[in-house]
Amino acid sequence: MADTSNFEQPSIPKFKGNYDHPSMLMENLLRSKEYWSIVETSYTEPPHPECLEELKVKDLKARNYLFQSIDKLVLKTII
């Protein structure tokens, strides 16, 4: 039976040293997933405690995309 969902895995842009193009692609990806606010403003204490878990999950998802985008050789240089 074929899967009829419209789920499509996003293409993660790879950063291999040329910053400008991959950074635009990554910003666009994170904005489309509604995670850009986490990157742009970092963590702030939520006004309501029930929002904390949602912010943590968004932060982890944004980090996941960012880590996937960095080439292993470049990551070794950064770390």
PDB file of N, CA and C in Angstrom:
ATOM      1  N   MET A   1       0.846  -1.179   0.000  1.00  0.00           N
ATOM      2  CA  MET A   1       0.000   0.000   0.000  1.00  0.00           C
ATOM      3  C   MET A   1       0.889   1.239   0.000  1.00  0.00           C
ATOM      4  N   ALA A   2       0.646   2.160  -0.870  1.00  0.00           N
ATOM      5  CA  ALA A   2       1.461   3.363  -1.001  1.00  0.00           C
ATOM      6  C   ALA A   2       1.116   4.367   0.085  1.00  0.00           C
ATOM      7  N   ASP A   3       2.140   5.069   0.531  1.00  0.00           N
ATOM      8  CA  ASP A   3       1.955   6.122   1.516  1.00  0.00           C
ATOM      9  C   ASP A   3       1.401   7.351   0.811  1.00  0.00           C
ATOM     10  N   THR A   4       0.289   7.861   1.286  1.00  0.00           N
ATOM     11  CA  THR A   4      -0.351   8.998   0.624  1.00  0.00           C
ATOM     12  C   THR A   4      -0.060  10.319   1.313  1.00  0.00           C
ATOM     13  N   SER A   5       0.806  10.316   2.332  1.00  0.00           N
ATOM     14  CA  SER A   5       1.118  11.571   3.016  1.00  0.00           C
ATOM     15  C   SER A   5       1.996  12.448   2.132  1.00  0.00           C
ATOM     16  N   ASN A   6       1.967  13.725   2.402  1.00  0.00           N
ATOM     17  CA  ASN A   6       2.750  14.682   1.634  1.00  0.00           C
ATOM     18  C   ASN A   6       4.041  15.061   2.347  1.00  0.00           C
ATOM     19  N   PHE A   7       4.507  14.223   3.257  1.00  0.00           N
ATOM     20  CA  PHE A   7       5.718  14.517   4.011  1.00  0.00           C
ATOM     21  C   PHE A   7       6.929  14.464   3.094  1.00  0.00           C
ATOM     22  N   GLU A   8       7.705  15.529   3.132  1.00  0.00           N
ATOM     23  CA  GLU A   8       8.925  15.580   2.332  1.00  0.00           C
ATOM     24  C   GLU A   8      10.067  16.011   3.238  1.00  0.00           C
ATOM     25  N   GLN A   9      11.115  15.218   3.294  1.00  0.00           N
ATOM     26  CA  GLN A   9      12.281  15.543   4.102  1.00  0.00           C
ATOM     27  C   GLN A   9      12.994  16.743   3.483  1.00  0.00           C
ATOM     28  N   PRO A  10      13.228  17.803   4.269  1.00  0.00           N
ATOM     29  CA  PRO A  10      13.895  18.972   3.695  1.00  0.00           C
ATOM     30  C   PRO A  10      15.345  18.669   3.351  1.00  0.00           C
ATOM     31  N   SER A  11      15.820  19.317   2.320  1.00  0.00           N
ATOM     32  CA  SER A  11      17.219  19.191   1.938  1.00  0.00           C
ATOM     33  C   SER A  11      18.036  20.123   2.822  1.00  0.00           C
ATOM     34  N   ILE A  12      18.963  19.553   3.587  1.00  0.00           N
ATOM     35  CA  ILE A  12      19.782  20.344   4.495  1.00  0.00           C
ATOM     36  C   ILE A  12      20.972  20.895   3.714  1.00  0.00           C
ATOM     37  N   PRO A  13      21.122  22.230   3.647  1.00  0.00           N
ATOM     38  CA  PRO A  13      22.271  22.791   2.931  1.00  0.00           C
ATOM     39  C   PRO A  13      23.563  22.461   3.663  1.00  0.00           C
ATOM     40  N   LYS A  14      24.609  22.118   2.931  1.00  0.00           N
ATOM     41  CA  LYS A  14      25.895  21.761   3.525  1.00  0.00           C
ATOM     42  C   LYS A  14      26.839  22.950   3.522  1.00  0.00           C
ATOM     43  N   PHE A  15      27.418  23.242   4.683  1.00  0.00           N
ATOM     44  CA  PHE A  15      28.402  24.306   4.817  1.00  0.00           C
ATOM     45  C   PHE A  15      29.785  23.683   4.730  1.00  0.00           C
ATOM     46  N   LYS A  16      30.522  24.050   3.682  1.00  0.00           N
ATOM     47  CA  LYS A  16      31.867  23.514   3.474  1.00  0.00           C
ATOM     48  C   LYS A  16      32.905  24.626   3.410  1.00  0.00           C
ATOM     49  N   GLY A  17      32.549  25.809   3.816  1.00  0.00           N
ATOM     50  CA  GLY A  17      33.509  26.900   3.852  1.00  0.00           C
ATOM     51  C   GLY A  17      33.029  28.182   3.197  1.00  0.00           C
ATOM     52  N   ASN A  18      32.164  28.120   2.202  1.00  0.00           N
ATOM     53  CA  ASN A  18      31.612  29.311   1.574  1.00  0.00           C
ATOM     54  C   ASN A  18      30.344  29.677   2.335  1.00  0.00           C
ATOM     55  N   TYR A  19      30.430  30.687   3.184  1.00  0.00           N
ATOM     56  CA  TYR A  19      29.367  30.973   4.147  1.00  0.00           C
ATOM     57  C   TYR A  19      28.097  31.559   3.544  1.00  0.00           C
ATOM     58  N   ASP A  20      28.206  32.472   2.592  1.00  0.00           N
ATOM     59  CA  ASP A  20      27.056  33.260   2.142  1.00  0.00           C
ATOM     60  C   ASP A  20      25.885  32.425   1.631  1.00  0.00           C
ATOM     61  N   HIS A  21      26.135  31.562   0.681  1.00  0.00           N
ATOM     62  CA  HIS A  21      25.037  30.795   0.078  1.00  0.00           C
ATOM     63  C   HIS A  21      24.393  29.818   1.065  1.00  0.00           C
ATOM     64  N   PRO A  22      25.166  28.962   1.749  1.00  0.00           N
ATOM     65  CA  PRO A  22      24.524  28.043   2.701  1.00  0.00           C
ATOM     66  C   PRO A  22      23.797  28.765   3.837  1.00  0.00           C
ATOM     67  N   SER A  23      24.297  29.930   4.245  1.00  0.00           N
ATOM     68  CA  SER A  23      23.621  30.641   5.335  1.00  0.00           C
ATOM     69  C   SER A  23      22.244  31.133   4.902  1.00  0.00           C
ATOM     70  N   MET A  24      22.121  31.585   3.659  1.00  0.00           N
ATOM     71  CA  MET A  24      20.810  32.002   3.151  1.00  0.00           C
ATOM     72  C   MET A  24      19.863  30.807   3.066  1.00  0.00           C
ATOM     73  N   LEU A  25      20.374  29.676   2.598  1.00  0.00           N
ATOM     74  CA  LEU A  25      19.542  28.474   2.501  1.00  0.00           C
ATOM     75  C   LEU A  25      19.096  27.997   3.885  1.00  0.00           C
ATOM     76  N   MET A  26      20.024  28.033   4.852  1.00  0.00           N
ATOM     77  CA  MET A  26      19.695  27.578   6.202  1.00  0.00           C
ATOM     78  C   MET A  26      18.682  28.514   6.851  1.00  0.00           C
ATOM     79  N   GLU A  27      18.865  29.812   6.681  1.00  0.00           N
ATOM     80  CA  GLU A  27      17.892  30.755   7.241  1.00  0.00           C
ATOM     81  C   GLU A  27      16.504  30.504   6.653  1.00  0.00           C
ATOM     82  N   ASN A  28      16.445  30.289   5.365  1.00  0.00           N
ATOM     83  CA  ASN A  28      15.162  30.017   4.715  1.00  0.00           C
ATOM     84  C   ASN A  28      14.532  28.731   5.258  1.00  0.00           C
ATOM     85  N   LEU A  29      15.332  27.682   5.409  1.00  0.00           N
ATOM     86  CA  LEU A  29      14.826  26.418   5.948  1.00  0.00           C
ATOM     87  C   LEU A  29      14.295  26.608   7.366  1.00  0.00           C
ATOM     88  N   LEU A  30      15.082  27.266   8.224  1.00  0.00           N
ATOM     89  CA  LEU A  30      14.662  27.449   9.612  1.00  0.00           C
ATOM     90  C   LEU A  30      13.438  28.360   9.725  1.00  0.00           C
ATOM     91  N   ARG A  31      13.341  29.351   8.857  1.00  0.00           N
ATOM     92  CA  ARG A  31      12.138  30.201   8.857  1.00  0.00           C
ATOM     93  C   ARG A  31      10.910  29.396   8.424  1.00  0.00           C
ATOM     94  N   SER A  32      11.082  28.548   7.423  1.00  0.00           N
ATOM     95  CA  SER A  32       9.944  27.756   6.941  1.00  0.00           C
ATOM     96  C   SER A  32       9.467  26.752   7.987  1.00  0.00           C
ATOM     97  N   LYS A  33      10.365  26.319   8.857  1.00  0.00           N
ATOM     98  CA  LYS A  33      10.010  25.383   9.931  1.00  0.00           C
ATOM     99  C   LYS A  33       9.609  26.108  11.220  1.00  0.00           C
ATOM    100  N   GLU A  34       9.631  27.445  11.175  1.00  0.00           N
ATOM    101  CA  GLU A  34       9.294  28.299  12.316  1.00  0.00           C
ATOM    102  C   GLU A  34      10.256  28.125  13.490  1.00  0.00           C
ATOM    103  N   TYR A  35      11.552  27.905  13.188  1.00  0.00           N
ATOM    104  CA  TYR A  35      12.583  27.790  14.219  1.00  0.00           C
ATOM    105  C   TYR A  35      13.517  28.991  14.218  1.00  0.00           C
ATOM    106  N   TRP A  36      13.347  29.907  13.277  1.00  0.00           N
ATOM    107  CA  TRP A  36      14.293  31.009  13.146  1.00  0.00           C
ATOM    108  C   TRP A  36      14.311  31.902  14.386  1.00  0.00           C
ATOM    109  N   SER A  37      13.196  32.070  15.046  1.00  0.00           N
ATOM    110  CA  SER A  37      13.152  32.928  16.238  1.00  0.00           C
ATOM    111  C   SER A  37      14.087  32.410  17.325  1.00  0.00           C
ATOM    112  N   ILE A  38      14.265  31.102  17.402  1.00  0.00           N
ATOM    113  CA  ILE A  38      15.187  30.515  18.378  1.00  0.00           C
ATOM    114  C   ILE A  38      16.623  30.905  18.041  1.00  0.00           C
ATOM    115  N   VAL A  39      16.977  30.864  16.769  1.00  0.00           N
ATOM    116  CA  VAL A  39      18.333  31.206  16.333  1.00  0.00           C
ATOM    117  C   VAL A  39      18.574  32.701  16.499  1.00  0.00           C
ATOM    118  N   GLU A  40      17.611  33.490  16.118  1.00  0.00           N
ATOM    119  CA  GLU A  40      17.759  34.941  16.098  1.00  0.00           C
ATOM    120  C   GLU A  40      17.814  35.548  17.496  1.00  0.00           C
ATOM    121  N   THR A  41      16.984  35.069  18.401  1.00  0.00           N
ATOM    122  CA  THR A  41      16.886  35.697  19.718  1.00  0.00           C
ATOM    123  C   THR A  41      17.483  34.868  20.836  1.00  0.00           C
ATOM    124  N   SER A  42      17.881  33.639  20.566  1.00  0.00           N
ATOM    125  CA  SER A  42      18.406  32.730  21.573  1.00  0.00           C
ATOM    126  C   SER A  42      17.299  32.407  22.584  1.00  0.00           C
ATOM    127  N   TYR A  43      17.685  31.910  23.721  1.00  0.00           N
ATOM    128  CA  TYR A  43      16.704  31.481  24.716  1.00  0.00           C
ATOM    129  C   TYR A  43      16.309  32.658  25.596  1.00  0.00           C
ATOM    130  N   THR A  44      15.035  32.805  25.817  1.00  0.00           N
ATOM    131  CA  THR A  44      14.509  33.753  26.798  1.00  0.00           C
ATOM    132  C   THR A  44      13.495  33.011  27.652  1.00  0.00           C
ATOM    133  N   GLU A  45      13.397  33.425  28.880  1.00  0.00           N
ATOM    134  CA  GLU A  45      12.455  32.788  29.799  1.00  0.00           C
ATOM    135  C   GLU A  45      11.032  32.991  29.280  1.00  0.00           C
ATOM    136  N   PRO A  46      10.280  31.911  29.073  1.00  0.00           N
ATOM    137  CA  PRO A  46       8.919  32.058  28.551  1.00  0.00           C
ATOM    138  C   PRO A  46       8.002  32.694  29.597  1.00  0.00           C
ATOM    139  N   PRO A  47       7.007  33.449  29.132  1.00  0.00           N
ATOM    140  CA  PRO A  47       6.085  34.082  30.081  1.00  0.00           C
ATOM    141  C   PRO A  47       5.238  33.064  30.850  1.00  0.00           C
ATOM    142  N   HIS A  48       5.001  31.914  30.238  1.00  0.00           N
ATOM    143  CA  HIS A  48       4.212  30.864  30.881  1.00  0.00           C
ATOM    144  C   HIS A  48       5.054  29.590  30.936  1.00  0.00           C
ATOM    145  N   PRO A  49       5.133  28.945  32.098  1.00  0.00           N
ATOM    146  CA  PRO A  49       5.954  27.732  32.229  1.00  0.00           C
ATOM    147  C   PRO A  49       5.593  26.621  31.248  1.00  0.00           C
ATOM    148  N   GLU A  50       4.337  26.541  30.838  1.00  0.00           N
ATOM    149  CA  GLU A  50       3.939  25.480  29.907  1.00  0.00           C
ATOM    150  C   GLU A  50       4.560  25.675  28.527  1.00  0.00           C
ATOM    151  N   CYS A  51       5.050  26.867  28.228  1.00  0.00           N
ATOM    152  CA  CYS A  51       5.706  27.134  26.940  1.00  0.00           C
ATOM    153  C   CYS A  51       7.152  26.650  26.925  1.00  0.00           C
ATOM    154  N   LEU A  52       7.714  26.375  28.100  1.00  0.00           N
ATOM    155  CA  LEU A  52       9.125  26.011  28.196  1.00  0.00           C
ATOM    156  C   LEU A  52       9.461  24.767  27.385  1.00  0.00           C
ATOM    157  N   GLU A  53       8.663  23.733  27.502  1.00  0.00           N
ATOM    158  CA  GLU A  53       8.934  22.486  26.778  1.00  0.00           C
ATOM    159  C   GLU A  53       8.885  22.707  25.272  1.00  0.00           C
ATOM    160  N   GLU A  54       7.942  23.497  24.803  1.00  0.00           N
ATOM    161  CA  GLU A  54       7.836  23.794  23.375  1.00  0.00           C
ATOM    162  C   GLU A  54       9.084  24.534  22.881  1.00  0.00           C
ATOM    163  N   LEU A  55       9.581  25.489  23.678  1.00  0.00           N
ATOM    164  CA  LEU A  55      10.799  26.219  23.298  1.00  0.00           C
ATOM    165  C   LEU A  55      12.018  25.298  23.277  1.00  0.00           C
ATOM    166  N   LYS A  56      12.092  24.374  24.232  1.00  0.00           N
ATOM    167  CA  LYS A  56      13.210  23.426  24.262  1.00  0.00           C
ATOM    168  C   LYS A  56      13.216  22.547  23.015  1.00  0.00           C
ATOM    169  N   VAL A  57      12.047  22.078  22.616  1.00  0.00           N
ATOM    170  CA  VAL A  57      11.943  21.226  21.429  1.00  0.00           C
ATOM    171  C   VAL A  57      12.330  22.012  20.180  1.00  0.00           C
ATOM    172  N   LYS A  58      11.859  23.253  20.059  1.00  0.00           N
ATOM    173  CA  LYS A  58      12.226  24.082  18.909  1.00  0.00           C
ATOM    174  C   LYS A  58      13.733  24.312  18.872  1.00  0.00           C
ATOM    175  N   ASP A  59      14.331  24.556  20.034  1.00  0.00           N
ATOM    176  CA  ASP A  59      15.776  24.758  20.113  1.00  0.00           C
ATOM    177  C   ASP A  59      16.526  23.518  19.644  1.00  0.00           C
ATOM    178  N   LEU A  60      16.109  22.353  20.096  1.00  0.00           N
ATOM    179  CA  LEU A  60      16.765  21.109  19.692  1.00  0.00           C
ATOM    180  C   LEU A  60      16.616  20.848  18.196  1.00  0.00           C
ATOM    181  N   LYS A  61      15.453  21.139  17.644  1.00  0.00           N
ATOM    182  CA  LYS A  61      15.241  20.933  16.214  1.00  0.00           C
ATOM    183  C   LYS A  61      16.105  21.884  15.396  1.00  0.00           C
ATOM    184  N   ALA A  62      16.201  23.138  15.819  1.00  0.00           N
ATOM    185  CA  ALA A  62      17.050  24.102  15.111  1.00  0.00           C
ATOM    186  C   ALA A  62      18.510  23.668  15.172  1.00  0.00           C
ATOM    187  N   ARG A  63      18.977  23.246  16.351  1.00  0.00           N
ATOM    188  CA  ARG A  63      20.361  22.768  16.488  1.00  0.00           C
ATOM    189  C   ARG A  63      20.615  21.553  15.601  1.00  0.00           C
ATOM    190  N   ASN A  64      19.646  20.662  15.528  1.00  0.00           N
ATOM    191  CA  ASN A  64      19.787  19.475  14.700  1.00  0.00           C
ATOM    192  C   ASN A  64      20.031  19.854  13.243  1.00  0.00           C
ATOM    193  N   TYR A  65      19.236  20.787  12.719  1.00  0.00           N
ATOM    194  CA  TYR A  65      19.438  21.241  11.341  1.00  0.00           C
ATOM    195  C   TYR A  65      20.808  21.891  11.175  1.00  0.00           C
ATOM    196  N   LEU A  66      21.205  22.705  12.146  1.00  0.00           N
ATOM    197  CA  LEU A  66      22.498  23.383  12.041  1.00  0.00           C
ATOM    198  C   LEU A  66      23.653  22.384  12.065  1.00  0.00           C
ATOM    199  N   PHE A  67      23.621  21.430  12.969  1.00  0.00           N
ATOM    200  CA  PHE A  67      24.693  20.437  13.039  1.00  0.00           C
ATOM    201  C   PHE A  67      24.745  19.563  11.794  1.00  0.00           C
ATOM    202  N   GLN A  68      23.588  19.224  11.236  1.00  0.00           N
ATOM    203  CA  GLN A  68      23.572  18.434  10.011  1.00  0.00           C
ATOM    204  C   GLN A  68      24.163  19.200   8.839  1.00  0.00           C
ATOM    205  N   SER A  69      24.086  20.512   8.903  1.00  0.00           N
ATOM    206  CA  SER A  69      24.534  21.318   7.763  1.00  0.00           C
ATOM    207  C   SER A  69      26.043  21.516   7.720  1.00  0.00           C
ATOM    208  N   ILE A  70      26.729  21.301   8.819  1.00  0.00           N
ATOM    209  CA  ILE A  70      28.168  21.569   8.869  1.00  0.00           C
ATOM    210  C   ILE A  70      28.942  20.329   8.451  1.00  0.00           C
ATOM    211  N   ASP A  71      29.789  20.488   7.455  1.00  0.00           N
ATOM    212  CA  ASP A  71      30.654  19.415   6.984  1.00  0.00           C
ATOM    213  C   ASP A  71      31.556  18.956   8.139  1.00  0.00           C
ATOM    214  N   LYS A  72      31.845  17.664   8.213  1.00  0.00           N
ATOM    215  CA  LYS A  72      32.627  17.112   9.325  1.00  0.00           C
ATOM    216  C   LYS A  72      34.001  17.756   9.452  1.00  0.00           C
ATOM    217  N   LEU A  73      34.655  18.029   8.336  1.00  0.00           N
ATOM    218  CA  LEU A  73      35.971  18.667   8.391  1.00  0.00           C
ATOM    219  C   LEU A  73      35.877  20.087   8.942  1.00  0.00           C
ATOM    220  N   VAL A  74      34.846  20.808   8.562  1.00  0.00           N
ATOM    221  CA  VAL A  74      34.645  22.164   9.072  1.00  0.00           C
ATOM    222  C   VAL A  74      34.293  22.109  10.555  1.00  0.00           C
ATOM    223  N   LEU A  75      33.484  21.149  10.962  1.00  0.00           N
ATOM    224  CA  LEU A  75      33.100  21.014  12.361  1.00  0.00           C
ATOM    225  C   LEU A  75      34.321  20.766  13.242  1.00  0.00           C
ATOM    226  N   LYS A  76      35.264  19.963  12.767  1.00  0.00           N
ATOM    227  CA  LYS A  76      36.492  19.717  13.533  1.00  0.00           C
ATOM    228  C   LYS A  76      37.270  21.008  13.735  1.00  0.00           C
ATOM    229  N   THR A  77      37.246  21.890  12.751  1.00  0.00           N
ATOM    230  CA  THR A  77      37.924  23.178  12.871  1.00  0.00           C
ATOM    231  C   THR A  77      37.219  24.064  13.891  1.00  0.00           C
ATOM    232  N   ILE A  78      35.903  24.016  13.908  1.00  0.00           N
ATOM    233  CA  ILE A  78      35.117  24.849  14.816  1.00  0.00           C
ATOM    234  C   ILE A  78      35.276  24.388  16.258  1.00  0.00           C
ATOM    235  N   ILE A  79      35.241  23.083  16.458  1.00  0.00           N
ATOM    236  CA  ILE A  79      35.296  22.538  17.826  1.00  0.00           C
ATOM    237  C   ILE A  79      36.688  22.486  18.278  1.00  0.00           C
TER     238      ILE A  79
END
